[in-house]
């Protein structure tokens, strides 16, 4: 079972879209969180422990993740999708980008 954690800043658009898109994939469990101080679901150490693959939307997220949660990453794979904050929740273009960039890691 792949346990995929999707991280963006506010956990309002990109990461919840990714969580919902991949939740129906066989053999994949999903969760999402944000790194911002006012994120809808702030990232927790427990989420990092649960995940066996972590996706961040931007390089800045990877840097902040490493700075704030280094002790909880324990060599986990962190993949940067390079998806800017230019999309609405479940916007078809965002869904296609997520499937193209993250999907190959979840098959």
N, C-alpha and C. Protein backbone atom coordinates (compact mmCIF):
# COMPACT_ATOMS: atom_id res chain seq x y z
N UNK A 1 0.84 -1.19 0.00
CA UNK A 1 0.00 0.00 0.00
C UNK A 1 0.89 1.25 0.00
N UNK A 2 0.62 2.14 -0.92
CA UNK A 2 1.33 3.41 -0.94
C UNK A 2 0.52 4.42 -0.14
N UNK A 3 1.19 5.08 0.78
CA UNK A 3 0.56 6.11 1.60
C UNK A 3 1.15 7.45 1.18
N UNK A 4 0.40 8.19 0.35
CA UNK A 4 0.88 9.43 -0.25
C UNK A 4 0.38 10.64 0.52
N UNK A 5 1.31 11.49 0.88
CA UNK A 5 1.00 12.75 1.57
C UNK A 5 1.31 13.89 0.62
N UNK A 6 0.33 14.76 0.39
CA UNK A 6 0.47 15.90 -0.50
C UNK A 6 0.52 17.18 0.33
N UNK A 7 1.52 18.02 0.06
CA UNK A 7 1.74 19.22 0.86
C UNK A 7 1.82 20.45 -0.03
N UNK A 8 1.09 21.49 0.37
CA UNK A 8 1.23 22.81 -0.26
C UNK A 8 1.28 23.84 0.87
N UNK A 9 0.91 25.07 0.60
CA UNK A 9 1.01 26.10 1.63
C UNK A 9 -0.22 26.14 2.53
N UNK A 10 -1.38 26.34 1.94
CA UNK A 10 -2.60 26.55 2.73
C UNK A 10 -3.49 25.32 2.87
N UNK A 11 -3.20 24.26 2.11
CA UNK A 11 -4.04 23.06 2.12
C UNK A 11 -5.49 23.39 1.76
N UNK A 12 -5.64 24.24 0.75
CA UNK A 12 -6.99 24.61 0.33
C UNK A 12 -7.27 24.25 -1.13
N UNK A 13 -6.24 24.24 -1.99
CA UNK A 13 -6.48 24.03 -3.42
C UNK A 13 -5.69 22.85 -3.98
N UNK A 14 -4.36 22.99 -4.04
CA UNK A 14 -3.55 21.96 -4.71
C UNK A 14 -3.50 20.65 -3.95
N UNK A 15 -3.10 20.67 -2.70
CA UNK A 15 -2.93 19.39 -1.99
C UNK A 15 -4.27 18.69 -1.73
N UNK A 16 -5.37 19.40 -1.40
CA UNK A 16 -6.64 18.68 -1.28
C UNK A 16 -7.12 18.09 -2.62
N UNK A 17 -6.83 18.79 -3.71
CA UNK A 17 -7.17 18.25 -5.03
C UNK A 17 -6.41 16.94 -5.25
N UNK A 18 -5.10 16.96 -4.98
CA UNK A 18 -4.28 15.75 -5.15
C UNK A 18 -4.80 14.63 -4.25
N UNK A 19 -5.11 14.96 -3.01
CA UNK A 19 -5.63 13.94 -2.09
C UNK A 19 -6.88 13.28 -2.66
N UNK A 20 -7.80 14.10 -3.18
CA UNK A 20 -9.04 13.56 -3.72
C UNK A 20 -8.85 12.80 -5.03
N UNK A 21 -7.97 13.30 -5.89
CA UNK A 21 -7.73 12.65 -7.19
C UNK A 21 -7.18 11.23 -6.99
N UNK A 22 -6.21 11.10 -6.10
CA UNK A 22 -5.54 9.80 -5.96
C UNK A 22 -6.18 8.88 -4.91
N UNK A 23 -7.16 9.38 -4.16
CA UNK A 23 -7.82 8.56 -3.13
C UNK A 23 -8.52 7.35 -3.72
N UNK A 24 -8.96 7.46 -4.97
CA UNK A 24 -9.69 6.35 -5.59
C UNK A 24 -8.77 5.38 -6.33
N UNK A 25 -7.48 5.68 -6.37
CA UNK A 25 -6.54 4.78 -7.06
C UNK A 25 -6.34 3.51 -6.23
N UNK A 26 -6.32 2.35 -6.87
CA UNK A 26 -6.10 1.11 -6.12
C UNK A 26 -4.70 1.08 -5.51
N UNK A 27 -4.64 0.62 -4.28
CA UNK A 27 -3.35 0.49 -3.60
C UNK A 27 -2.77 1.79 -3.10
N UNK A 28 -3.58 2.85 -3.09
CA UNK A 28 -3.09 4.16 -2.66
C UNK A 28 -4.01 4.72 -1.58
N UNK A 29 -3.41 5.14 -0.48
CA UNK A 29 -4.11 5.91 0.55
C UNK A 29 -3.53 7.32 0.50
N UNK A 30 -4.37 8.33 0.74
CA UNK A 30 -3.91 9.70 0.59
C UNK A 30 -4.24 10.54 1.82
N UNK A 31 -3.46 11.60 1.96
CA UNK A 31 -3.69 12.62 2.98
C UNK A 31 -3.08 13.90 2.44
N UNK A 32 -3.46 15.03 3.04
CA UNK A 32 -2.87 16.29 2.61
C UNK A 32 -2.78 17.24 3.79
N UNK A 33 -1.87 18.22 3.64
CA UNK A 33 -1.65 19.21 4.69
C UNK A 33 -0.98 20.43 4.09
N UNK A 34 -0.91 21.47 4.92
CA UNK A 34 -0.25 22.69 4.49
C UNK A 34 0.85 23.10 5.45
N UNK A 35 1.81 23.83 4.91
CA UNK A 35 2.94 24.30 5.71
C UNK A 35 2.74 25.72 6.24
N UNK A 36 1.72 26.42 5.76
CA UNK A 36 1.47 27.78 6.20
C UNK A 36 0.90 27.83 7.61
N UNK A 37 1.11 28.96 8.28
CA UNK A 37 0.62 29.12 9.65
C UNK A 37 -0.90 29.04 9.74
N UNK A 38 -1.60 29.41 8.69
CA UNK A 38 -3.06 29.36 8.71
C UNK A 38 -3.62 28.31 7.75
N UNK A 39 -2.87 27.24 7.57
CA UNK A 39 -3.32 26.15 6.70
C UNK A 39 -4.60 25.52 7.23
N UNK A 40 -5.46 25.06 6.33
CA UNK A 40 -6.70 24.38 6.74
C UNK A 40 -6.39 23.16 7.60
N UNK A 41 -5.39 22.38 7.17
CA UNK A 41 -4.89 21.24 7.96
C UNK A 41 -3.38 21.44 8.06
N UNK A 42 -2.89 21.95 9.20
CA UNK A 42 -1.44 22.14 9.35
C UNK A 42 -0.72 20.79 9.39
N UNK A 43 0.41 20.72 8.72
CA UNK A 43 1.20 19.49 8.69
C UNK A 43 1.61 19.07 10.09
N UNK A 44 1.48 17.76 10.37
CA UNK A 44 1.86 17.23 11.68
C UNK A 44 2.94 16.15 11.52
N UNK A 45 3.73 15.95 12.57
CA UNK A 45 4.71 14.86 12.53
C UNK A 45 4.05 13.50 12.31
N UNK A 46 2.84 13.32 12.82
CA UNK A 46 2.14 12.05 12.65
C UNK A 46 1.84 11.76 11.18
N UNK A 47 1.50 12.79 10.42
CA UNK A 47 1.26 12.60 8.99
C UNK A 47 2.54 12.16 8.29
N UNK A 48 3.66 12.75 8.67
CA UNK A 48 4.93 12.38 8.06
C UNK A 48 5.31 10.95 8.41
N UNK A 49 5.04 10.55 9.65
CA UNK A 49 5.32 9.17 10.05
C UNK A 49 4.48 8.19 9.25
N UNK A 50 3.22 8.54 9.01
CA UNK A 50 2.28 7.68 8.29
C UNK A 50 2.69 7.50 6.82
N UNK A 51 3.14 8.56 6.19
CA UNK A 51 3.41 8.55 4.74
C UNK A 51 4.64 7.74 4.39
N UNK A 52 4.58 7.06 3.23
CA UNK A 52 5.80 6.45 2.71
C UNK A 52 6.24 7.11 1.42
N UNK A 53 5.47 8.10 0.94
CA UNK A 53 5.90 8.96 -0.16
C UNK A 53 5.26 10.33 0.06
N UNK A 54 6.07 11.36 -0.08
CA UNK A 54 5.62 12.72 0.22
C UNK A 54 5.80 13.57 -1.04
N UNK A 55 4.73 14.27 -1.40
CA UNK A 55 4.77 15.17 -2.55
C UNK A 55 4.61 16.61 -2.06
N UNK A 56 5.50 17.48 -2.53
CA UNK A 56 5.35 18.91 -2.28
C UNK A 56 5.08 19.57 -3.62
N UNK A 57 4.38 20.70 -3.59
CA UNK A 57 3.99 21.36 -4.84
C UNK A 57 5.10 22.25 -5.41
N UNK A 58 5.95 22.82 -4.54
CA UNK A 58 6.99 23.75 -4.99
C UNK A 58 8.30 23.49 -4.22
N UNK A 59 9.40 23.94 -4.80
CA UNK A 59 10.70 23.79 -4.14
C UNK A 59 10.71 24.46 -2.77
N UNK A 60 10.04 25.60 -2.65
CA UNK A 60 9.97 26.31 -1.36
C UNK A 60 9.33 25.42 -0.30
N UNK A 61 8.38 24.59 -0.69
CA UNK A 61 7.75 23.67 0.27
C UNK A 61 8.75 22.62 0.74
N UNK A 62 9.56 22.11 -0.18
CA UNK A 62 10.57 21.12 0.20
C UNK A 62 11.55 21.73 1.19
N UNK A 63 11.97 22.97 0.92
CA UNK A 63 12.92 23.64 1.83
C UNK A 63 12.31 23.86 3.21
N UNK A 64 11.07 24.32 3.24
CA UNK A 64 10.41 24.57 4.52
C UNK A 64 10.16 23.26 5.26
N UNK A 65 9.78 22.22 4.52
CA UNK A 65 9.56 20.90 5.12
C UNK A 65 10.84 20.40 5.78
N UNK A 66 11.96 20.50 5.07
CA UNK A 66 13.24 20.06 5.62
C UNK A 66 13.64 20.87 6.84
N UNK A 67 13.38 22.17 6.79
CA UNK A 67 13.77 23.04 7.91
C UNK A 67 12.93 22.78 9.15
N UNK A 68 11.62 22.59 8.97
CA UNK A 68 10.71 22.45 10.12
C UNK A 68 10.58 21.01 10.63
N UNK A 69 10.75 20.04 9.75
CA UNK A 69 10.42 18.65 10.11
C UNK A 69 11.53 17.66 9.81
N UNK A 70 12.77 18.13 9.73
CA UNK A 70 13.89 17.26 9.35
C UNK A 70 13.93 15.97 10.16
N UNK A 71 13.72 16.07 11.45
CA UNK A 71 13.80 14.89 12.32
C UNK A 71 12.73 13.86 12.01
N UNK A 72 11.65 14.26 11.35
CA UNK A 72 10.54 13.35 11.06
C UNK A 72 10.58 12.77 9.65
N UNK A 73 11.53 13.20 8.85
CA UNK A 73 11.58 12.72 7.47
C UNK A 73 12.29 11.37 7.35
N UNK A 74 13.28 11.12 8.19
CA UNK A 74 13.94 9.81 8.26
C UNK A 74 14.17 9.15 6.91
N UNK A 75 14.75 9.89 5.99
CA UNK A 75 15.08 9.33 4.69
C UNK A 75 13.89 9.05 3.78
N UNK A 76 12.72 9.59 4.11
CA UNK A 76 11.55 9.38 3.26
C UNK A 76 11.72 10.09 1.93
N UNK A 77 11.10 9.55 0.92
CA UNK A 77 11.18 10.14 -0.42
C UNK A 77 10.27 11.36 -0.50
N UNK A 78 10.86 12.50 -0.84
CA UNK A 78 10.12 13.74 -1.02
C UNK A 78 10.26 14.15 -2.48
N UNK A 79 9.13 14.26 -3.16
CA UNK A 79 9.12 14.58 -4.59
C UNK A 79 8.49 15.95 -4.79
N UNK A 80 9.19 16.82 -5.49
CA UNK A 80 8.67 18.14 -5.82
C UNK A 80 7.98 18.08 -7.18
N UNK A 81 6.71 18.47 -7.21
CA UNK A 81 5.93 18.40 -8.43
C UNK A 81 6.04 19.66 -9.29
N UNK A 82 6.60 20.72 -8.74
CA UNK A 82 6.72 22.00 -9.48
C UNK A 82 5.39 22.45 -10.07
N UNK A 83 4.38 22.51 -9.21
CA UNK A 83 3.05 22.99 -9.62
C UNK A 83 2.79 24.30 -8.88
N UNK A 84 2.73 25.42 -9.61
CA UNK A 84 2.52 26.72 -8.98
C UNK A 84 1.10 26.88 -8.44
N UNK A 85 0.92 27.88 -7.60
CA UNK A 85 -0.37 28.15 -6.96
C UNK A 85 -1.25 28.97 -7.91
N UNK A 86 -1.56 28.39 -9.05
CA UNK A 86 -2.31 29.09 -10.10
C UNK A 86 -3.65 28.44 -10.40
N UNK A 87 -4.09 27.50 -9.57
CA UNK A 87 -5.26 26.69 -9.91
C UNK A 87 -6.28 26.69 -8.78
N UNK A 88 -7.53 26.45 -9.18
CA UNK A 88 -8.61 26.29 -8.22
C UNK A 88 -8.73 24.82 -7.83
N UNK A 89 -9.45 24.55 -6.75
CA UNK A 89 -9.70 23.18 -6.30
C UNK A 89 -10.38 22.39 -7.43
N UNK A 90 -9.81 21.24 -7.76
CA UNK A 90 -10.31 20.29 -8.76
C UNK A 90 -10.39 20.88 -10.17
N UNK A 91 -9.67 21.96 -10.43
CA UNK A 91 -9.63 22.52 -11.79
C UNK A 91 -9.07 21.46 -12.72
N UNK A 92 -9.73 21.22 -13.87
CA UNK A 92 -9.29 20.13 -14.77
C UNK A 92 -7.81 20.20 -15.14
N UNK A 93 -7.28 21.38 -15.36
CA UNK A 93 -5.85 21.51 -15.71
C UNK A 93 -4.96 21.05 -14.55
N UNK A 94 -5.38 21.34 -13.34
CA UNK A 94 -4.63 20.91 -12.15
C UNK A 94 -4.69 19.39 -12.02
N UNK A 95 -5.86 18.82 -12.22
CA UNK A 95 -6.02 17.36 -12.14
C UNK A 95 -5.10 16.68 -13.15
N UNK A 96 -5.07 17.19 -14.38
CA UNK A 96 -4.21 16.60 -15.42
C UNK A 96 -2.74 16.71 -15.04
N UNK A 97 -2.34 17.87 -14.52
CA UNK A 97 -0.94 18.05 -14.10
C UNK A 97 -0.57 17.06 -13.00
N UNK A 98 -1.43 16.94 -12.01
CA UNK A 98 -1.18 16.02 -10.90
C UNK A 98 -1.06 14.58 -11.40
N UNK A 99 -1.98 14.18 -12.26
CA UNK A 99 -1.93 12.81 -12.78
C UNK A 99 -0.65 12.57 -13.56
N UNK A 100 -0.22 13.56 -14.34
CA UNK A 100 0.99 13.40 -15.15
C UNK A 100 2.25 13.39 -14.29
N UNK A 101 2.29 14.24 -13.27
CA UNK A 101 3.52 14.39 -12.49
C UNK A 101 3.62 13.43 -11.30
N UNK A 102 2.52 13.18 -10.63
CA UNK A 102 2.56 12.31 -9.45
C UNK A 102 2.12 10.88 -9.75
N UNK A 103 1.29 10.73 -10.75
CA UNK A 103 0.69 9.42 -11.04
C UNK A 103 1.72 8.32 -11.25
N UNK A 104 2.80 8.62 -11.93
CA UNK A 104 3.80 7.58 -12.23
C UNK A 104 4.46 7.03 -10.96
N UNK A 105 4.47 7.82 -9.88
CA UNK A 105 5.06 7.36 -8.63
C UNK A 105 4.10 6.52 -7.81
N UNK A 106 2.81 6.53 -8.20
CA UNK A 106 1.79 5.86 -7.42
C UNK A 106 1.22 4.62 -8.10
N UNK A 107 1.79 4.25 -9.24
CA UNK A 107 1.29 3.06 -9.95
C UNK A 107 1.88 1.80 -9.36
